C-alpha atoms as a PDB file:
ATOM      1  CA  MET A   1      16.612  30.728  12.374  1.00  0.00           C
ATOM      2  CA  THR A   2      13.515  32.874  11.933  1.00  0.00           C
ATOM      3  CA  ALA A   3      10.970  32.509   9.159  1.00  0.00           C
ATOM      4  CA  ALA A   4      12.464  35.505   7.387  1.00  0.00           C
ATOM      5  CA  THR A   5      16.038  34.202   7.490  1.00  0.00           C
ATOM      6  CA  PRO A   6      16.971  32.095   4.448  1.00  0.00           C
ATOM      7  CA  LEU A   7      19.260  29.131   4.651  1.00  0.00           C
ATOM      8  CA  THR A   8      22.873  29.847   3.852  1.00  0.00           C
ATOM      9  CA  SER A   9      24.122  29.058   0.372  1.00  0.00           C
ATOM     10  CA  ARG A  10      26.401  26.160   1.371  1.00  0.00           C
ATOM     11  CA  ALA A  11      25.632  22.793  -0.212  1.00  0.00           C
ATOM     12  CA  GLN A  12      25.038  21.040   3.103  1.00  0.00           C
ATOM     13  CA  PRO A  13      23.358  22.762   6.072  1.00  0.00           C
ATOM     14  CA  THR A  14      25.050  22.639   9.442  1.00  0.00           C
ATOM     15  CA  ALA A  15      23.619  20.603  12.295  1.00  0.00           C
ATOM     16  CA  ARG A  16      22.216  23.805  13.817  1.00  0.00           C
ATOM     17  CA  GLU A  17      20.539  24.764  10.554  1.00  0.00           C
ATOM     18  CA  ARG A  18      19.049  21.283  10.202  1.00  0.00           C
ATOM     19  CA  ASP A  19      17.620  21.491  13.710  1.00  0.00           C
ATOM     20  CA  ASP A  20      16.197  24.946  12.995  1.00  0.00           C
ATOM     21  CA  LEU A  21      14.582  23.735   9.768  1.00  0.00           C
ATOM     22  CA  LEU A  22      13.024  20.738  11.496  1.00  0.00           C
ATOM     23  CA  ALA A  23      11.718  23.026  14.243  1.00  0.00           C
ATOM     24  CA  THR A  24      10.231  25.271  11.559  1.00  0.00           C
ATOM     25  CA  ALA A  25       8.501  22.283   9.941  1.00  0.00           C
ATOM     26  CA  ALA A  26       7.053  21.278  13.315  1.00  0.00           C
ATOM     27  CA  ARG A  27       5.913  24.865  13.883  1.00  0.00           C
ATOM     28  CA  LEU A  28       4.232  24.869  10.465  1.00  0.00           C
ATOM     29  CA  ARG A  29       2.180  21.835  11.389  1.00  0.00           C
ATOM     30  CA  GLN A  30       1.293  23.308  14.779  1.00  0.00           C
ATOM     31  CA  VAL A  31       0.132  26.611  13.290  1.00  0.00           C
ATOM     32  CA  VAL A  32      -2.111  24.974  10.686  1.00  0.00           C
ATOM     33  CA  ALA A  33      -3.498  22.489  13.226  1.00  0.00           C
ATOM     34  CA  SER A  34      -4.597  25.423  15.395  1.00  0.00           C
ATOM     35  CA  ARG A  35      -7.264  26.184  12.777  1.00  0.00           C
ATOM     36  CA  ILE A  36      -8.014  22.707  11.391  1.00  0.00           C
ATOM     37  CA  VAL A  37      -9.552  20.279  13.886  1.00  0.00           C
ATOM     38  CA  GLY A  38      -9.761  16.504  13.602  1.00  0.00           C
ATOM     39  CA  GLN A  39      -7.775  16.019  10.386  1.00  0.00           C
ATOM     40  CA  GLU A  40      -4.315  15.305  11.768  1.00  0.00           C
ATOM     41  CA  ARG A  41      -3.625  12.450   9.343  1.00  0.00           C
ATOM     42  CA  VAL A  42      -4.639  14.553   6.348  1.00  0.00           C
ATOM     43  CA  LEU A  43      -2.517  17.476   7.499  1.00  0.00           C
ATOM     44  CA  ASP A  44       0.496  15.203   7.997  1.00  0.00           C
ATOM     45  CA  GLU A  45       0.111  13.833   4.457  1.00  0.00           C
ATOM     46  CA  ILE A  46      -0.142  17.333   2.973  1.00  0.00           C
ATOM     47  CA  LEU A  47       3.061  18.363   4.734  1.00  0.00           C
ATOM     48  CA  MET A  48       4.812  15.160   3.662  1.00  0.00           C
ATOM     49  CA  ALA A  49       3.858  15.853   0.045  1.00  0.00           C
ATOM     50  CA  LEU A  50       5.127  19.437   0.275  1.00  0.00           C
ATOM     51  CA  LEU A  51       8.440  18.452   1.850  1.00  0.00           C
ATOM     52  CA  ALA A  52       8.886  15.682  -0.709  1.00  0.00           C
ATOM     53  CA  GLY A  53       8.388  18.261  -3.464  1.00  0.00           C
ATOM     54  CA  GLY A  54       5.230  16.624  -4.810  1.00  0.00           C
ATOM     55  CA  HIS A  55       1.631  17.493  -5.545  1.00  0.00           C
ATOM     56  CA  ALA A  56      -1.399  16.227  -3.621  1.00  0.00           C
ATOM     57  CA  LEU A  57      -5.000  15.423  -4.509  1.00  0.00           C
ATOM     58  CA  LEU A  58      -7.503  15.770  -1.652  1.00  0.00           C
ATOM     59  CA  VAL A  59     -10.638  13.668  -2.145  1.00  0.00           C
ATOM     60  CA  GLY A  60     -13.642  14.085   0.129  1.00  0.00           C
ATOM     61  CA  VAL A  61     -17.274  15.108   0.282  1.00  0.00           C
ATOM     62  CA  PRO A  62     -18.159  18.809   0.625  1.00  0.00           C
ATOM     63  CA  GLY A  63     -17.822  20.458   4.006  1.00  0.00           C
ATOM     64  CA  LEU A  64     -14.725  18.631   5.266  1.00  0.00           C
ATOM     65  CA  ALA A  65     -12.467  21.711   5.122  1.00  0.00           C
ATOM     66  CA  LYS A  66     -10.367  20.559   2.157  1.00  0.00           C
ATOM     67  CA  THR A  67     -10.124  24.049   0.690  1.00  0.00           C
ATOM     68  CA  LEU A  68      -9.729  25.672   4.115  1.00  0.00           C
ATOM     69  CA  MET A  69      -6.908  23.291   4.946  1.00  0.00           C
ATOM     70  CA  ILE A  70      -4.995  24.161   1.785  1.00  0.00           C
ATOM     71  CA  LYS A  71      -5.567  27.883   2.289  1.00  0.00           C
ATOM     72  CA  SER A  72      -4.384  27.578   5.893  1.00  0.00           C
ATOM     73  CA  VAL A  73      -1.188  25.827   4.772  1.00  0.00           C
ATOM     74  CA  SER A  74      -0.580  28.602   2.242  1.00  0.00           C
ATOM     75  CA  GLU A  75      -1.133  31.295   4.877  1.00  0.00           C
ATOM     76  CA  ALA A  76       1.420  29.620   7.133  1.00  0.00           C
ATOM     77  CA  MET A  77       3.997  29.641   4.313  1.00  0.00           C
ATOM     78  CA  HIS A  78       5.429  32.917   3.043  1.00  0.00           C
ATOM     79  CA  LEU A  79       4.799  31.860  -0.565  1.00  0.00           C
ATOM     80  CA  GLY A  80       2.725  33.027  -3.508  1.00  0.00           C
ATOM     81  CA  PHE A  81      -0.739  31.463  -3.520  1.00  0.00           C
ATOM     82  CA  ARG A  82      -3.411  31.301  -6.230  1.00  0.00           C
ATOM     83  CA  ARG A  83      -6.775  29.563  -6.267  1.00  0.00           C
ATOM     84  CA  ILE A  84      -8.356  28.262  -9.476  1.00  0.00           C
ATOM     85  CA  GLN A  85     -12.020  27.304  -9.288  1.00  0.00           C
ATOM     86  CA  PHE A  86     -12.378  24.661 -11.990  1.00  0.00           C
ATOM     87  CA  THR A  87     -15.581  24.874 -14.014  1.00  0.00           C
ATOM     88  CA  PRO A  88     -16.735  23.264 -17.297  1.00  0.00           C
ATOM     89  CA  ASP A  89     -16.158  26.504 -19.230  1.00  0.00           C
ATOM     90  CA  LEU A  90     -12.541  26.947 -18.063  1.00  0.00           C
ATOM     91  CA  VAL A  91     -10.019  26.970 -20.937  1.00  0.00           C
ATOM     92  CA  PRO A  92      -6.246  26.303 -20.786  1.00  0.00           C
ATOM     93  CA  SER A  93      -5.311  29.980 -21.121  1.00  0.00           C
ATOM     94  CA  ASP A  94      -7.312  30.690 -17.953  1.00  0.00           C
ATOM     95  CA  ILE A  95      -4.665  28.640 -16.152  1.00  0.00           C
ATOM     96  CA  THR A  96      -1.402  29.271 -17.986  1.00  0.00           C
ATOM     97  CA  GLY A  97      -2.004  32.854 -19.145  1.00  0.00           C
ATOM     98  CA  THR A  98      -2.534  34.542 -22.477  1.00  0.00           C
ATOM     99  CA  GLU A  99      -1.068  37.163 -24.793  1.00  0.00           C
ATOM    100  CA  VAL A 100      -2.827  40.516 -25.062  1.00  0.00           C
ATOM    101  CA  MET A 101      -2.237  43.230 -27.622  1.00  0.00           C
ATOM    102  CA  GLU A 102      -1.279  46.655 -26.335  1.00  0.00           C
ATOM    103  CA  GLU A 103      -0.651  49.916 -28.122  1.00  0.00           C
ATOM    104  CA  ASP A 104       2.307  52.068 -27.168  1.00  0.00           C
ATOM    105  CA  PRO A 105       0.910  55.570 -26.351  1.00  0.00           C
ATOM    106  CA  GLY A 106       3.940  57.304 -27.866  1.00  0.00           C
ATOM    107  CA  THR A 107       4.648  55.363 -31.043  1.00  0.00           C
ATOM    108  CA  HIS A 108       1.207  53.794 -31.459  1.00  0.00           C
ATOM    109  CA  ALA A 109       3.019  50.531 -32.177  1.00  0.00           C
ATOM    110  CA  ARG A 110       1.047  47.427 -31.299  1.00  0.00           C
ATOM    111  CA  LEU A 111       2.841  44.810 -29.262  1.00  0.00           C
ATOM    112  CA  PHE A 112       1.867  41.536 -27.645  1.00  0.00           C
ATOM    113  CA  ARG A 113       2.379  41.176 -23.898  1.00  0.00           C
ATOM    114  CA  PHE A 114       2.051  37.923 -21.998  1.00  0.00           C
ATOM    115  CA  VAL A 115      -0.208  38.067 -18.947  1.00  0.00           C
ATOM    116  CA  GLN A 116       0.662  35.304 -16.518  1.00  0.00           C
ATOM    117  CA  GLY A 117      -2.095  32.980 -15.400  1.00  0.00           C
ATOM    118  CA  PRO A 118      -2.718  31.773 -11.841  1.00  0.00           C
ATOM    119  CA  VAL A 119      -0.369  28.803 -12.338  1.00  0.00           C
ATOM    120  CA  PHE A 120       2.523  31.233 -11.819  1.00  0.00           C
ATOM    121  CA  ALA A 121       2.491  30.851  -8.045  1.00  0.00           C
ATOM    122  CA  ASN A 122       4.252  28.715  -5.452  1.00  0.00           C
ATOM    123  CA  ILE A 123       1.060  27.033  -4.245  1.00  0.00           C
ATOM    124  CA  VAL A 124      -1.812  26.515  -6.677  1.00  0.00           C
ATOM    125  CA  LEU A 125      -5.157  25.379  -5.293  1.00  0.00           C
ATOM    126  CA  ALA A 126      -7.012  23.550  -8.074  1.00  0.00           C
ATOM    127  CA  ASP A 127     -10.477  23.481  -6.534  1.00  0.00           C
ATOM    128  CA  GLU A 128     -12.777  20.713  -7.851  1.00  0.00           C
ATOM    129  CA  ILE A 129     -10.254  19.824 -10.525  1.00  0.00           C
ATOM    130  CA  ASN A 130     -12.506  17.187 -12.091  1.00  0.00           C
ATOM    131  CA  ARG A 131     -15.068  19.800 -13.152  1.00  0.00           C
ATOM    132  CA  ALA A 132     -12.867  21.133 -15.969  1.00  0.00           C
ATOM    133  CA  PRO A 133     -12.760  19.417 -19.394  1.00  0.00           C
ATOM    134  CA  PRO A 134      -9.756  17.228 -20.286  1.00  0.00           C
ATOM    135  CA  ARG A 135      -7.892  19.832 -22.359  1.00  0.00           C
ATOM    136  CA  THR A 136      -7.969  22.236 -19.410  1.00  0.00           C
ATOM    137  CA  GLN A 137      -6.868  19.531 -16.983  1.00  0.00           C
ATOM    138  CA  ALA A 138      -4.031  18.748 -19.386  1.00  0.00           C
ATOM    139  CA  ALA A 139      -2.819  22.348 -19.145  1.00  0.00           C
ATOM    140  CA  LEU A 140      -1.553  21.433 -15.689  1.00  0.00           C
ATOM    141  CA  LEU A 141       0.374  18.351 -16.826  1.00  0.00           C
ATOM    142  CA  GLU A 142       3.515  20.137 -18.007  1.00  0.00           C
ATOM    143  CA  ALA A 143       3.408  22.488 -15.034  1.00  0.00           C
ATOM    144  CA  MET A 144       3.131  19.617 -12.535  1.00  0.00           C
ATOM    145  CA  GLN A 145       5.843  17.487 -14.093  1.00  0.00           C
ATOM    146  CA  GLU A 146       8.328  20.021 -15.468  1.00  0.00           C
ATOM    147  CA  HIS A 147       7.571  23.107 -13.316  1.00  0.00           C
ATOM    148  CA  ARG A 148       7.213  25.163 -16.486  1.00  0.00           C
ATOM    149  CA  VAL A 149       4.593  26.079 -19.071  1.00  0.00           C
ATOM    150  CA  THR A 150       4.774  26.619 -22.809  1.00  0.00           C
ATOM    151  CA  VAL A 151       2.625  29.358 -24.306  1.00  0.00           C
ATOM    152  CA  ALA A 152       2.814  30.624 -27.901  1.00  0.00           C
ATOM    153  CA  GLY A 153       5.984  28.610 -28.456  1.00  0.00           C
ATOM    154  CA  GLU A 154       7.802  30.092 -25.466  1.00  0.00           C
ATOM    155  CA  THR A 155       8.687  28.056 -22.387  1.00  0.00           C
ATOM    156  CA  MET A 156       8.574  29.841 -19.044  1.00  0.00           C
ATOM    157  CA  ALA A 157       9.734  28.503 -15.688  1.00  0.00           C
ATOM    158  CA  LEU A 158       7.406  28.543 -12.717  1.00  0.00           C
ATOM    159  CA  PRO A 159       8.501  29.924  -9.343  1.00  0.00           C
ATOM    160  CA  GLU A 160      10.162  27.513  -6.921  1.00  0.00           C
ATOM    161  CA  PRO A 161       8.997  25.804  -4.859  1.00  0.00           C
ATOM    162  CA  PHE A 162       5.890  24.850  -6.851  1.00  0.00           C
ATOM    163  CA  PHE A 163       2.991  22.743  -5.581  1.00  0.00           C
ATOM    164  CA  VAL A 164      -0.415  21.862  -6.980  1.00  0.00           C
ATOM    165  CA  LEU A 165      -2.912  20.979  -4.254  1.00  0.00           C
ATOM    166  CA  ALA A 166      -6.160  19.851  -5.862  1.00  0.00           C
ATOM    167  CA  THR A 167      -9.546  18.951  -4.408  1.00  0.00           C
ATOM    168  CA  GLN A 168     -12.152  16.556  -5.748  1.00  0.00           C
ATOM    169  CA  ASN A 169     -15.668  15.546  -4.725  1.00  0.00           C
ATOM    170  CA  PRO A 170     -16.046  11.746  -5.036  1.00  0.00           C
ATOM    171  CA  ILE A 171     -19.840  11.517  -4.856  1.00  0.00           C
ATOM    172  CA  GLU A 172     -21.018  14.075  -7.413  1.00  0.00           C
ATOM    173  CA  GLN A 173     -20.400  12.814 -10.953  1.00  0.00           C
ATOM    174  CA  GLU A 174     -22.755  14.967 -13.012  1.00  0.00           C
ATOM    175  CA  GLY A 175     -20.851  17.567 -15.029  1.00  0.00           C
ATOM    176  CA  THR A 176     -17.447  16.161 -14.092  1.00  0.00           C
ATOM    177  CA  TYR A 177     -14.559  14.753 -16.107  1.00  0.00           C
ATOM    178  CA  PRO A 178     -12.549  11.977 -14.404  1.00  0.00           C
ATOM    179  CA  LEU A 179      -8.842  12.702 -14.280  1.00  0.00           C
ATOM    180  CA  PRO A 180      -6.869  10.534 -16.731  1.00  0.00           C
ATOM    181  CA  GLU A 181      -4.376   8.067 -15.281  1.00  0.00           C
ATOM    182  CA  ALA A 182      -1.457  10.069 -16.704  1.00  0.00           C
ATOM    183  CA  GLN A 183      -2.479  13.085 -14.644  1.00  0.00           C
ATOM    184  CA  LEU A 184      -3.341  11.108 -11.516  1.00  0.00           C
ATOM    185  CA  ASP A 185       0.172   9.677 -11.644  1.00  0.00           C
ATOM    186  CA  ARG A 186       1.568  13.218 -11.346  1.00  0.00           C
ATOM    187  CA  PHE A 187       0.083  13.514  -7.864  1.00  0.00           C
ATOM    188  CA  LEU A 188       2.508  12.207  -5.263  1.00  0.00           C
ATOM    189  CA  PHE A 189      -0.350  11.510  -2.816  1.00  0.00           C
ATOM    190  CA  ASP A 190      -4.057  10.817  -3.139  1.00  0.00           C
ATOM    191  CA  ILE A 191      -5.276  11.979   0.277  1.00  0.00           C
ATOM    192  CA  ARG A 192      -8.701  10.841   1.470  1.00  0.00           C
ATOM    193  CA  VAL A 193     -10.501  13.258   3.776  1.00  0.00           C
ATOM    194  CA  ALA A 194     -12.960  11.468   6.077  1.00  0.00           C
ATOM    195  CA  TYR A 195     -15.629  12.716   8.460  1.00  0.00           C
ATOM    196  CA  PRO A 196     -14.302  13.905  11.840  1.00  0.00           C
ATOM    197  CA  ASP A 197     -15.106  12.000  14.990  1.00  0.00           C
ATOM    198  CA  GLU A 198     -17.643  13.343  17.491  1.00  0.00           C
ATOM    199  CA  ARG A 199     -15.097  15.117  19.706  1.00  0.00           C
ATOM    200  CA  ALA A 200     -13.544  16.881  16.739  1.00  0.00           C
ATOM    201  CA  GLU A 201     -16.940  17.807  15.297  1.00  0.00           C
ATOM    202  CA  VAL A 202     -17.982  19.452  18.577  1.00  0.00           C
ATOM    203  CA  GLU A 203     -14.723  21.422  18.522  1.00  0.00           C
ATOM    204  CA  ILE A 204     -15.382  22.466  14.917  1.00  0.00           C
ATOM    205  CA  LEU A 205     -18.824  23.770  15.911  1.00  0.00           C
ATOM    206  CA  ARG A 206     -17.297  25.701  18.807  1.00  0.00           C
ATOM    207  CA  ASN A 207     -14.592  27.279  16.648  1.00  0.00           C
ATOM    208  CA  THR A 208     -16.681  28.180  13.604  1.00  0.00           C
ATOM    209  CA  THR A 209     -19.908  29.587  15.088  1.00  0.00           C
ATOM    210  CA  GLY A 210     -18.446  32.450  17.097  1.00  0.00           C
ATOM    211  CA  ARG A 211     -17.095  35.868  16.199  1.00  0.00           C
ATOM    212  CA  THR A 212     -13.390  35.145  16.320  1.00  0.00           C
ATOM    213  CA  GLU A 213     -11.327  33.341  13.687  1.00  0.00           C
ATOM    214  CA  THR A 214      -7.946  31.795  14.356  1.00  0.00           C
ATOM    215  CA  ALA A 215      -5.264  33.941  12.736  1.00  0.00           C
ATOM    216  CA  ILE A 216      -2.296  32.322  11.028  1.00  0.00           C
ATOM    217  CA  GLU A 217       1.101  33.972  10.688  1.00  0.00           C
ATOM    218  CA  PRO A 218       3.659  32.790   8.099  1.00  0.00           C
ATOM    219  CA  VAL A 219       6.366  30.676   9.713  1.00  0.00           C
ATOM    220  CA  ILE A 220       8.370  29.458   6.703  1.00  0.00           C
ATOM    221  CA  ASP A 221       9.599  31.066   3.479  1.00  0.00           C
ATOM    222  CA  ALA A 222      10.601  29.825   0.033  1.00  0.00           C
ATOM    223  CA  ALA A 223      14.300  29.357   0.852  1.00  0.00           C
ATOM    224  CA  GLN A 224      13.514  27.299   3.932  1.00  0.00           C
ATOM    225  CA  THR A 225      10.988  25.207   2.022  1.00  0.00           C
ATOM    226  CA  VAL A 226      13.547  24.404  -0.686  1.00  0.00           C
ATOM    227  CA  ALA A 227      16.137  23.608   1.990  1.00  0.00           C
ATOM    228  CA  LEU A 228      13.710  21.188   3.667  1.00  0.00           C
ATOM    229  CA  GLN A 229      13.067  19.513   0.321  1.00  0.00           C
ATOM    230  CA  GLN A 230      16.817  19.060  -0.093  1.00  0.00           C
ATOM    231  CA  MET A 231      17.039  17.617   3.421  1.00  0.00           C
ATOM    232  CA  VAL A 232      14.330  15.097   2.526  1.00  0.00           C
ATOM    233  CA  ARG A 233      16.340  13.906  -0.469  1.00  0.00           C
ATOM    234  CA  ASP A 234      19.462  13.623   1.698  1.00  0.00           C
ATOM    235  CA  VAL A 235      17.804  11.179   4.121  1.00  0.00           C
ATOM    236  CA  PRO A 236      19.544   7.808   3.605  1.00  0.00           C
ATOM    237  CA  VAL A 237      17.592   4.686   2.653  1.00  0.00           C
ATOM    238  CA  ALA A 238      19.009   1.171   3.105  1.00  0.00           C
ATOM    239  CA  ASP A 239      18.958  -1.173   0.134  1.00  0.00           C
ATOM    240  CA  VAL A 240      16.569  -3.544   1.895  1.00  0.00           C
ATOM    241  CA  VAL A 241      14.041  -0.702   2.297  1.00  0.00           C
ATOM    242  CA  LEU A 242      14.408   0.242  -1.376  1.00  0.00           C
ATOM    243  CA  GLN A 243      13.823  -3.403  -2.287  1.00  0.00           C
ATOM    244  CA  TYR A 244      10.730  -3.438  -0.077  1.00  0.00           C
ATOM    245  CA  ALA A 245       9.317  -0.368  -1.822  1.00  0.00           C
ATOM    246  CA  ALA A 246      10.049  -1.938  -5.220  1.00  0.00           C
ATOM    247  CA  ARG A 247       8.356  -5.213  -4.205  1.00  0.00           C
ATOM    248  CA  LEU A 248       5.244  -3.358  -3.068  1.00  0.00           C
ATOM    249  CA  VAL A 249       4.985  -1.558  -6.400  1.00  0.00           C
ATOM    250  CA  ARG A 250       5.686  -4.687  -8.454  1.00  0.00           C
ATOM    251  CA  ALA A 251       3.044  -6.575  -6.485  1.00  0.00           C
ATOM    252  CA  THR A 252       0.385  -4.243  -7.920  1.00  0.00           C
ATOM    253  CA  ARG A 253       0.955  -5.548 -11.471  1.00  0.00           C
ATOM    254  CA  PRO A 254      -1.284  -8.467 -12.444  1.00  0.00           C
ATOM    255  CA  ASP A 255       1.278  -9.968 -14.842  1.00  0.00           C
ATOM    256  CA  ASP A 256       3.970 -10.302 -12.145  1.00  0.00           C
ATOM    257  CA  ALA A 257       4.451 -13.854 -10.894  1.00  0.00           C
ATOM    258  CA  SER A 258       4.596 -13.001  -7.172  1.00  0.00           C
ATOM    259  CA  VAL A 259       1.435 -10.907  -6.844  1.00  0.00           C
ATOM    260  CA  PRO A 260      -1.339 -11.807  -4.392  1.00  0.00           C
ATOM    261  CA  GLU A 261      -4.452 -13.496  -5.705  1.00  0.00           C
ATOM    262  CA  SER A 262      -6.558 -10.363  -5.198  1.00  0.00           C
ATOM    263  CA  VAL A 263      -4.328  -8.441  -7.616  1.00  0.00           C
ATOM    264  CA  LYS A 264      -4.597 -11.129 -10.295  1.00  0.00           C
ATOM    265  CA  ARG A 265      -8.364 -11.170  -9.919  1.00  0.00           C
ATOM    266  CA  TYR A 266      -9.248  -7.523  -9.366  1.00  0.00           C
ATOM    267  CA  VAL A 267      -6.545  -5.264 -10.832  1.00  0.00           C
ATOM    268  CA  ARG A 268      -6.704  -4.030 -14.416  1.00  0.00           C
ATOM    269  CA  TRP A 269      -3.469  -2.035 -14.338  1.00  0.00           C
ATOM    270  CA  GLY A 270      -0.802  -1.672 -11.685  1.00  0.00           C
ATOM    271  CA  ALA A 271       1.501   1.114 -10.575  1.00  0.00           C
ATOM    272  CA  GLY A 272       4.538   2.245 -12.562  1.00  0.00           C
ATOM    273  CA  PRO A 273       8.046   3.205 -11.423  1.00  0.00           C
ATOM    274  CA  ARG A 274       6.856   6.683 -10.414  1.00  0.00           C
ATOM    275  CA  ALA A 275       4.959   4.994  -7.573  1.00  0.00           C
ATOM    276  CA  GLY A 276       8.221   3.603  -6.207  1.00  0.00           C
ATOM    277  CA  GLN A 277       9.765   7.055  -6.320  1.00  0.00           C
ATOM    278  CA  ALA A 278       6.746   8.437  -4.464  1.00  0.00           C
ATOM    279  CA  LEU A 279       6.981   5.695  -1.819  1.00  0.00           C
ATOM    280  CA  VAL A 280      10.627   6.467  -1.130  1.00  0.00           C
ATOM    281  CA  LEU A 281      10.256  10.250  -1.117  1.00  0.00           C
ATOM    282  CA  GLY A 282       7.113  10.091   1.018  1.00  0.00           C
ATOM    283  CA  ALA A 283       8.842   7.734   3.451  1.00  0.00           C
ATOM    284  CA  LYS A 284      11.826  10.086   3.663  1.00  0.00           C
ATOM    285  CA  ALA A 285       9.538  13.039   4.424  1.00  0.00           C
ATOM    286  CA  HIS A 286       7.695  11.016   7.079  1.00  0.00           C
ATOM    287  CA  ALA A 287      10.971  10.033   8.740  1.00  0.00           C
ATOM    288  CA  LEU A 288      12.241  13.606   8.717  1.00  0.00           C
ATOM    289  CA  LEU A 289       9.016  14.985  10.222  1.00  0.00           C
ATOM    290  CA  ALA A 290       9.360  12.342  12.942  1.00  0.00           C
ATOM    291  CA  GLY A 291      12.856  13.654  13.724  1.00  0.00           C
ATOM    292  CA  ARG A 292      14.703  10.667  12.284  1.00  0.00           C
ATOM    293  CA  HIS A 293      17.456  10.706   9.675  1.00  0.00           C
ATOM    294  CA  ALA A 294      16.959   7.196   8.307  1.00  0.00           C
ATOM    295  CA  VAL A 295      14.004   5.508   6.603  1.00  0.00           C
ATOM    296  CA  THR A 296      12.434   2.354   8.039  1.00  0.00           C
ATOM    297  CA  PRO A 297      10.000  -0.103   6.435  1.00  0.00           C
ATOM    298  CA  ASP A 298       7.287   1.376   8.648  1.00  0.00           C
ATOM    299  CA  ASP A 299       7.788   4.742   6.938  1.00  0.00           C
ATOM    300  CA  VAL A 300       7.137   3.068   3.596  1.00  0.00           C
ATOM    301  CA  ARG A 301       4.010   1.364   4.952  1.00  0.00           C
ATOM    302  CA  ARG A 302       2.755   4.668   6.354  1.00  0.00           C
ATOM    303  CA  VAL A 303       2.655   6.274   2.898  1.00  0.00           C
ATOM    304  CA  ALA A 304       1.594   3.191   0.921  1.00  0.00           C
ATOM    305  CA  HIS A 305      -2.115   4.069   0.802  1.00  0.00           C
ATOM    306  CA  PRO A 306      -1.822   7.704  -0.359  1.00  0.00           C
ATOM    307  CA  VAL A 307       0.820   6.661  -2.911  1.00  0.00           C
ATOM    308  CA  LEU A 308      -0.857   3.565  -4.359  1.00  0.00           C
ATOM    309  CA  ARG A 309      -4.628   4.055  -4.067  1.00  0.00           C
ATOM    310  CA  HIS A 310      -4.809   6.216  -7.208  1.00  0.00           C
ATOM    311  CA  ARG A 311      -2.237   4.202  -9.142  1.00  0.00           C
ATOM    312  CA  VAL A 312      -3.902   0.783  -8.759  1.00  0.00           C
ATOM    313  CA  LEU A 313      -6.797   0.532 -11.216  1.00  0.00           C
ATOM    314  CA  PRO A 314      -9.493  -1.998 -10.235  1.00  0.00           C
ATOM    315  CA  ASN A 315     -11.148  -3.920 -13.074  1.00  0.00           C
ATOM    316  CA  PHE A 316     -14.818  -4.586 -13.738  1.00  0.00           C
ATOM    317  CA  ALA A 317     -14.855  -7.628 -11.465  1.00  0.00           C
ATOM    318  CA  ALA A 318     -13.652  -5.495  -8.565  1.00  0.00           C
ATOM    319  CA  GLU A 319     -16.303  -2.865  -9.220  1.00  0.00           C
ATOM    320  CA  ALA A 320     -19.010  -5.505  -9.441  1.00  0.00           C
ATOM    321  CA  GLU A 321     -17.986  -7.039  -6.118  1.00  0.00           C
ATOM    322  CA  GLY A 322     -17.352  -3.731  -4.374  1.00  0.00           C
ATOM    323  CA  ILE A 323     -13.585  -4.252  -4.068  1.00  0.00           C
ATOM    324  CA  SER A 324     -11.873  -0.882  -3.760  1.00  0.00           C
ATOM    325  CA  ALA A 325      -8.281   0.114  -4.467  1.00  0.00           C
ATOM    326  CA  GLU A 326      -7.984   0.737  -0.722  1.00  0.00           C
ATOM    327  CA  ARG A 327      -8.718  -2.908   0.036  1.00  0.00           C
ATOM    328  CA  ILE A 328      -6.292  -4.071  -2.647  1.00  0.00           C
ATOM    329  CA  VAL A 329      -3.525  -1.994  -1.053  1.00  0.00           C
ATOM    330  CA  ASP A 330      -4.381  -3.581   2.318  1.00  0.00           C
ATOM    331  CA  ASP A 331      -3.905  -7.008   0.710  1.00  0.00           C
ATOM    332  CA  LEU A 332      -0.564  -5.890  -0.741  1.00  0.00           C
ATOM    333  CA  LEU A 333       0.716  -4.761   2.650  1.00  0.00           C
ATOM    334  CA  ALA A 334      -0.342  -8.086   4.155  1.00  0.00           C
ATOM    335  CA  HIS A 335       1.192 -10.085   1.296  1.00  0.00           C
ATOM    336  CA  VAL A 336       4.584  -8.352   0.943  1.00  0.00           C
ATOM    337  CA  ALA A 337       6.538  -8.895   4.150  1.00  0.00           C
ATOM    338  CA  PRO A 338       8.651  -5.929   5.275  1.00  0.00           C
ATOM    339  CA  PRO A 339      12.333  -6.454   6.065  1.00  0.00           C
ATOM    340  CA  LYS A 340      13.296  -6.519   9.692  1.00  0.00           C
ATOM    341  CA  SER A 341      14.478  -3.203  11.119  1.00  0.00           C
ATOM    342  CA  ASP A 342      15.883  -2.174  14.464  1.00  0.00           C
ATOM    343  CA  ILE A 343      14.237   1.255  14.123  1.00  0.00           C
ATOM    344  CA  ARG A 344      10.541   1.597  14.843  1.00  0.00           C
ATOM    345  CA  ILE A 345       8.270   4.601  14.464  1.00  0.00           C
END
């Protein structure tokens, strides 16, 4: 199956079509990795979020190729792409669109016409999302959750597939507006982008200081992307793995009897049921990208940090003692024992 050939309309793909789709997903990762050096974990988490049908928030200091990575993923996918540079003066209509009045040249009648905003795309890059005021951030809430927007009383569907990939700078707080918990919860993954190691940084210098730039050709289209998302949801999960995911989420809540001591002491608010959904979907995507058609506890553990780090809210005691959400998630993984599995990643 080539990138231009859509999946057939049958409810379940054949074994050949499944193999072709998995090969396309592997090719997508390979193509993007040819431009992005030293961020393999981040790239894997972006692809997992896309295949799981979720949105991703990339958090990292400037210069770590967050925006370039998202643009490279969009170039490798034959999908509509829009970039929104969030600024303090951005208003909701700059995102969703607005109505403009036009005059018919023949009848001179004045009519309103809706001009779509940049949210009407398959992949939306929300660059420095925390620089926009809350009402503008909230304009994305309906789009992220419902895949539609409501303007002037009319509800309009967004193109499918639809992803919001947002970036955020964690060290610069002046002129920023922290994302509310309700919006953070809409992001399937909170992906942390770290500094590259020395080998990768040398390779980055080699690749970015010459004349040539690595070209990226689209390798996957909208129909294939939707088919991969359906394949992710078809991956079976044993009851014991579902129970493990549920126990991890419940262990983040301070009022639960079985939580570790660190949660009781340092957590103000734990994760809700949407976190469990994200754990399962992320684990399914991880298993599928690994070429497996069943989810193991290790798949759930692999996605626990990007799923939970933005849904576990440390309290004042944690901030005073320098206890991060990352460390709390580490304690959860150590406290909640995974079920035994014959399959290992």
